[in-house]
Amino acid sequence: MALPKGKVSKSRRDKRRTHWKLSAPSVVKCPQCGDPKMPHRVCPNCGTYKGREVIAQEE
């Protein structure tokens, strides 16, 4: 079995993990209502997708 040659310090371990993080989700403006939404998804505010109503909204 492979074993580490020596202890990896916290500093070295953390340097290796600097790029290991989440990126912020992209957000676009809804063309119908102007509210922010994630791309390629139904707008949670007005319920439209690609110019047509997908989810009926209650008034």
PDB file of N, CA and C in Angstrom:
ATOM      1  N   MET A   1       0.833  -1.185   0.000  1.00  0.00           N
ATOM      2  CA  MET A   1       0.000   0.000   0.000  1.00  0.00           C
ATOM      3  C   MET A   1       0.875   1.245   0.000  1.00  0.00           C
ATOM      4  N   ALA A   2       0.374   2.265  -0.674  1.00  0.00           N
ATOM      5  CA  ALA A   2       1.101   3.530  -0.716  1.00  0.00           C
ATOM      6  C   ALA A   2       0.848   4.318   0.563  1.00  0.00           C
ATOM      7  N   LEU A   3       1.907   4.880   1.098  1.00  0.00           N
ATOM      8  CA  LEU A   3       1.808   5.688   2.304  1.00  0.00           C
ATOM      9  C   LEU A   3       2.484   7.024   2.064  1.00  0.00           C
ATOM     10  N   PRO A   4       2.007   8.088   2.694  1.00  0.00           N
ATOM     11  CA  PRO A   4       2.685   9.368   2.544  1.00  0.00           C
ATOM     12  C   PRO A   4       4.077   9.327   3.167  1.00  0.00           C
ATOM     13  N   LYS A   5       5.019   9.996   2.508  1.00  0.00           N
ATOM     14  CA  LYS A   5       6.401  10.009   3.017  1.00  0.00           C
ATOM     15  C   LYS A   5       6.509  10.797   4.317  1.00  0.00           C
ATOM     16  N   GLY A   6       5.712  11.870   4.426  1.00  0.00           N
ATOM     17  CA  GLY A   6       5.777  12.681   5.635  1.00  0.00           C
ATOM     18  C   GLY A   6       4.486  13.462   5.818  1.00  0.00           C
ATOM     19  N   LYS A   7       4.413  14.153   6.945  1.00  0.00           N
ATOM     20  CA  LYS A   7       3.204  14.919   7.250  1.00  0.00           C
ATOM     21  C   LYS A   7       3.085  16.109   6.303  1.00  0.00           C
ATOM     22  N   VAL A   8       1.891  16.326   5.789  1.00  0.00           N
ATOM     23  CA  VAL A   8       1.617  17.503   4.975  1.00  0.00           C
ATOM     24  C   VAL A   8       1.120  18.588   5.915  1.00  0.00           C
ATOM     25  N   SER A   9       1.827  19.710   5.947  1.00  0.00           N
ATOM     26  CA  SER A   9       1.471  20.790   6.870  1.00  0.00           C
ATOM     27  C   SER A   9       0.137  21.425   6.461  1.00  0.00           C
ATOM     28  N   LYS A  10      -0.473  22.120   7.408  1.00  0.00           N
ATOM     29  CA  LYS A  10      -1.743  22.799   7.141  1.00  0.00           C
ATOM     30  C   LYS A  10      -1.575  23.838   6.043  1.00  0.00           C
ATOM     31  N   SER A  11      -0.442  24.509   6.044  1.00  0.00           N
ATOM     32  CA  SER A  11      -0.186  25.532   5.042  1.00  0.00           C
ATOM     33  C   SER A  11      -0.116  24.925   3.645  1.00  0.00           C
ATOM     34  N   ARG A  12       0.604  23.830   3.483  1.00  0.00           N
ATOM     35  CA  ARG A  12       0.727  23.176   2.186  1.00  0.00           C
ATOM     36  C   ARG A  12      -0.607  22.603   1.731  1.00  0.00           C
ATOM     37  N   ARG A  13      -1.349  22.013   2.660  1.00  0.00           N
ATOM     38  CA  ARG A  13      -2.669  21.454   2.339  1.00  0.00           C
ATOM     39  C   ARG A  13      -3.612  22.555   1.868  1.00  0.00           C
ATOM     40  N   ASP A  14      -3.608  23.700   2.564  1.00  0.00           N
ATOM     41  CA  ASP A  14      -4.508  24.783   2.211  1.00  0.00           C
ATOM     42  C   ASP A  14      -4.107  25.458   0.904  1.00  0.00           C
ATOM     43  N   LYS A  15      -2.810  25.506   0.598  1.00  0.00           N
ATOM     44  CA  LYS A  15      -2.375  26.048  -0.682  1.00  0.00           C
ATOM     45  C   LYS A  15      -2.911  25.201  -1.833  1.00  0.00           C
ATOM     46  N   ARG A  16      -2.971  23.924  -1.651  1.00  0.00           N
ATOM     47  CA  ARG A  16      -3.478  23.022  -2.676  1.00  0.00           C
ATOM     48  C   ARG A  16      -4.974  23.233  -2.893  1.00  0.00           C
ATOM     49  N   ARG A  17      -5.691  23.633  -1.861  1.00  0.00           N
ATOM     50  CA  ARG A  17      -7.146  23.782  -1.936  1.00  0.00           C
ATOM     51  C   ARG A  17      -7.618  25.188  -2.294  1.00  0.00           C
ATOM     52  N   THR A  18      -6.713  26.097  -2.674  1.00  0.00           N
ATOM     53  CA  THR A  18      -7.122  27.477  -2.928  1.00  0.00           C
ATOM     54  C   THR A  18      -8.117  27.581  -4.072  1.00  0.00           C
ATOM     55  N   HIS A  19      -8.041  26.734  -5.084  1.00  0.00           N
ATOM     56  CA  HIS A  19      -8.926  26.810  -6.243  1.00  0.00           C
ATOM     57  C   HIS A  19     -10.115  25.875  -6.102  1.00  0.00           C
ATOM     58  N   TRP A  20     -10.260  25.252  -4.955  1.00  0.00           N
ATOM     59  CA  TRP A  20     -11.301  24.249  -4.714  1.00  0.00           C
ATOM     60  C   TRP A  20     -12.468  24.919  -4.010  1.00  0.00           C
ATOM     61  N   LYS A  21     -13.223  25.723  -4.765  1.00  0.00           N
ATOM     62  CA  LYS A  21     -14.319  26.476  -4.152  1.00  0.00           C
ATOM     63  C   LYS A  21     -15.487  26.580  -5.132  1.00  0.00           C
ATOM     64  N   LEU A  22     -16.634  26.960  -4.611  1.00  0.00           N
ATOM     65  CA  LEU A  22     -17.822  27.120  -5.433  1.00  0.00           C
ATOM     66  C   LEU A  22     -17.787  28.453  -6.157  1.00  0.00           C
ATOM     67  N   SER A  23     -18.393  28.488  -7.332  1.00  0.00           N
ATOM     68  CA  SER A  23     -18.515  29.747  -8.051  1.00  0.00           C
ATOM     69  C   SER A  23     -19.948  30.258  -7.887  1.00  0.00           C
ATOM     70  N   ALA A  24     -20.118  31.555  -7.954  1.00  0.00           N
ATOM     71  CA  ALA A  24     -21.444  32.143  -7.797  1.00  0.00           C
ATOM     72  C   ALA A  24     -22.306  31.795  -9.007  1.00  0.00           C
ATOM     73  N   PRO A  25     -23.590  31.489  -8.791  1.00  0.00           N
ATOM     74  CA  PRO A  25     -24.450  31.148  -9.927  1.00  0.00           C
ATOM     75  C   PRO A  25     -24.705  32.373 -10.805  1.00  0.00           C
ATOM     76  N   SER A  26     -24.790  32.143 -12.117  1.00  0.00           N
ATOM     77  CA  SER A  26     -25.054  33.249 -13.029  1.00  0.00           C
ATOM     78  C   SER A  26     -26.542  33.602 -12.976  1.00  0.00           C
ATOM     79  N   VAL A  27     -26.817  34.881 -13.109  1.00  0.00           N
ATOM     80  CA  VAL A  27     -28.190  35.379 -13.025  1.00  0.00           C
ATOM     81  C   VAL A  27     -28.439  36.284 -14.221  1.00  0.00           C
ATOM     82  N   VAL A  28     -29.611  36.127 -14.850  1.00  0.00           N
ATOM     83  CA  VAL A  28     -30.005  36.984 -15.965  1.00  0.00           C
ATOM     84  C   VAL A  28     -31.321  37.675 -15.625  1.00  0.00           C
ATOM     85  N   LYS A  29     -31.646  38.718 -16.385  1.00  0.00           N
ATOM     86  CA  LYS A  29     -32.888  39.456 -16.165  1.00  0.00           C
ATOM     87  C   LYS A  29     -33.993  38.806 -16.990  1.00  0.00           C
ATOM     88  N   CYS A  30     -35.144  38.589 -16.384  1.00  0.00           N
ATOM     89  CA  CYS A  30     -36.298  38.016 -17.087  1.00  0.00           C
ATOM     90  C   CYS A  30     -36.797  39.027 -18.119  1.00  0.00           C
ATOM     91  N   PRO A  31     -36.983  38.614 -19.389  1.00  0.00           N
ATOM     92  CA  PRO A  31     -37.442  39.569 -20.399  1.00  0.00           C
ATOM     93  C   PRO A  31     -38.887  40.023 -20.188  1.00  0.00           C
ATOM     94  N   GLN A  32     -39.688  39.246 -19.459  1.00  0.00           N
ATOM     95  CA  GLN A  32     -41.093  39.610 -19.245  1.00  0.00           C
ATOM     96  C   GLN A  32     -41.260  40.601 -18.100  1.00  0.00           C
ATOM     97  N   CYS A  33     -40.752  40.225 -16.901  1.00  0.00           N
ATOM     98  CA  CYS A  33     -40.993  41.046 -15.715  1.00  0.00           C
ATOM     99  C   CYS A  33     -39.757  41.806 -15.242  1.00  0.00           C
ATOM    100  N   GLY A  34     -38.556  41.406 -15.696  1.00  0.00           N
ATOM    101  CA  GLY A  34     -37.344  42.115 -15.316  1.00  0.00           C
ATOM    102  C   GLY A  34     -36.711  41.644 -14.026  1.00  0.00           C
ATOM    103  N   ASP A  35     -37.316  40.670 -13.372  1.00  0.00           N
ATOM    104  CA  ASP A  35     -36.736  40.140 -12.134  1.00  0.00           C
ATOM    105  C   ASP A  35     -35.548  39.235 -12.445  1.00  0.00           C
ATOM    106  N   PRO A  36     -34.578  39.125 -11.534  1.00  0.00           N
ATOM    107  CA  PRO A  36     -33.445  38.220 -11.785  1.00  0.00           C
ATOM    108  C   PRO A  36     -33.865  36.765 -11.672  1.00  0.00           C
ATOM    109  N   LYS A  37     -33.317  35.936 -12.566  1.00  0.00           N
ATOM    110  CA  LYS A  37     -33.588  34.496 -12.549  1.00  0.00           C
ATOM    111  C   LYS A  37     -32.371  33.768 -13.097  1.00  0.00           C
ATOM    112  N   MET A  38     -32.301  32.462 -12.854  1.00  0.00           N
ATOM    113  CA  MET A  38     -31.209  31.666 -13.408  1.00  0.00           C
ATOM    114  C   MET A  38     -31.500  31.385 -14.877  1.00  0.00           C
ATOM    115  N   PRO A  39     -30.476  31.346 -15.736  1.00  0.00           N
ATOM    116  CA  PRO A  39     -30.717  31.139 -17.157  1.00  0.00           C
ATOM    117  C   PRO A  39     -31.269  29.745 -17.462  1.00  0.00           C
ATOM    118  N   HIS A  40     -32.091  29.658 -18.515  1.00  0.00           N
ATOM    119  CA  HIS A  40     -32.697  28.413 -18.989  1.00  0.00           C
ATOM    120  C   HIS A  40     -33.627  27.792 -17.948  1.00  0.00           C
ATOM    121  N   ARG A  41     -34.296  28.641 -17.155  1.00  0.00           N
ATOM    122  CA  ARG A  41     -35.249  28.165 -16.164  1.00  0.00           C
ATOM    123  C   ARG A  41     -36.477  29.053 -16.187  1.00  0.00           C
ATOM    124  N   VAL A  42     -37.589  28.504 -15.705  1.00  0.00           N
ATOM    125  CA  VAL A  42     -38.829  29.269 -15.630  1.00  0.00           C
ATOM    126  C   VAL A  42     -38.658  30.380 -14.599  1.00  0.00           C
ATOM    127  N   CYS A  43     -39.172  31.544 -14.914  1.00  0.00           N
ATOM    128  CA  CYS A  43     -39.085  32.678 -13.992  1.00  0.00           C
ATOM    129  C   CYS A  43     -39.975  32.401 -12.781  1.00  0.00           C
ATOM    130  N   PRO A  44     -39.434  32.458 -11.568  1.00  0.00           N
ATOM    131  CA  PRO A  44     -40.262  32.182 -10.390  1.00  0.00           C
ATOM    132  C   PRO A  44     -41.279  33.284 -10.106  1.00  0.00           C
ATOM    133  N   ASN A  45     -41.073  34.478 -10.675  1.00  0.00           N
ATOM    134  CA  ASN A  45     -41.977  35.589 -10.398  1.00  0.00           C
ATOM    135  C   ASN A  45     -43.201  35.565 -11.323  1.00  0.00           C
ATOM    136  N   CYS A  46     -42.959  35.507 -12.641  1.00  0.00           N
ATOM    137  CA  CYS A  46     -44.085  35.581 -13.582  1.00  0.00           C
ATOM    138  C   CYS A  46     -44.451  34.229 -14.199  1.00  0.00           C
ATOM    139  N   GLY A  47     -43.620  33.209 -14.071  1.00  0.00           N
ATOM    140  CA  GLY A  47     -43.946  31.870 -14.557  1.00  0.00           C
ATOM    141  C   GLY A  47     -43.809  31.689 -16.053  1.00  0.00           C
ATOM    142  N   THR A  48     -42.987  32.532 -16.713  1.00  0.00           N
ATOM    143  CA  THR A  48     -42.822  32.404 -18.162  1.00  0.00           C
ATOM    144  C   THR A  48     -41.463  31.817 -18.499  1.00  0.00           C
ATOM    145  N   TYR A  49     -41.404  31.189 -19.693  1.00  0.00           N
ATOM    146  CA  TYR A  49     -40.155  30.662 -20.227  1.00  0.00           C
ATOM    147  C   TYR A  49     -40.195  30.808 -21.732  1.00  0.00           C
ATOM    148  N   LYS A  50     -39.205  31.465 -22.306  1.00  0.00           N
ATOM    149  CA  LYS A  50     -39.107  31.727 -23.745  1.00  0.00           C
ATOM    150  C   LYS A  50     -40.357  32.421 -24.282  1.00  0.00           C
ATOM    151  N   GLY A  51     -40.876  33.392 -23.525  1.00  0.00           N
ATOM    152  CA  GLY A  51     -41.985  34.196 -23.992  1.00  0.00           C
ATOM    153  C   GLY A  51     -43.368  33.604 -23.818  1.00  0.00           C
ATOM    154  N   ARG A  52     -43.468  32.381 -23.304  1.00  0.00           N
ATOM    155  CA  ARG A  52     -44.813  31.806 -23.102  1.00  0.00           C
ATOM    156  C   ARG A  52     -44.997  31.450 -21.642  1.00  0.00           C
ATOM    157  N   GLU A  53     -46.235  31.478 -21.182  1.00  0.00           N
ATOM    158  CA  GLU A  53     -46.551  31.197 -19.793  1.00  0.00           C
ATOM    159  C   GLU A  53     -46.535  29.681 -19.576  1.00  0.00           C
ATOM    160  N   VAL A  54     -45.707  29.232 -18.653  1.00  0.00           N
ATOM    161  CA  VAL A  54     -45.559  27.809 -18.361  1.00  0.00           C
ATOM    162  C   VAL A  54     -46.297  27.454 -17.082  1.00  0.00           C
ATOM    163  N   ILE A  55     -46.187  28.329 -16.088  1.00  0.00           N
ATOM    164  CA  ILE A  55     -46.841  28.109 -14.807  1.00  0.00           C
ATOM    165  C   ILE A  55     -47.890  29.207 -14.626  1.00  0.00           C
ATOM    166  N   ALA A  56     -49.120  28.800 -14.384  1.00  0.00           N
ATOM    167  CA  ALA A  56     -50.185  29.783 -14.160  1.00  0.00           C
ATOM    168  C   ALA A  56     -49.984  30.433 -12.804  1.00  0.00           C
ATOM    169  N   GLN A  57     -49.980  31.763 -12.772  1.00  0.00           N
ATOM    170  CA  GLN A  57     -49.783  32.495 -11.538  1.00  0.00           C
ATOM    171  C   GLN A  57     -51.122  32.877 -10.932  1.00  0.00           C
ATOM    172  N   GLU A  58     -51.230  32.760  -9.621  1.00  0.00           N
ATOM    173  CA  GLU A  58     -52.452  33.175  -8.924  1.00  0.00           C
ATOM    174  C   GLU A  58     -52.430  34.674  -8.719  1.00  0.00           C
ATOM    175  N   GLU A  59     -53.582  35.288  -8.784  1.00  0.00           N
ATOM    176  CA  GLU A  59     -53.655  36.737  -8.595  1.00  0.00           C
ATOM    177  C   GLU A  59     -54.258  37.098  -7.273  1.00  0.00           C
TER     178      GLU A  59
END
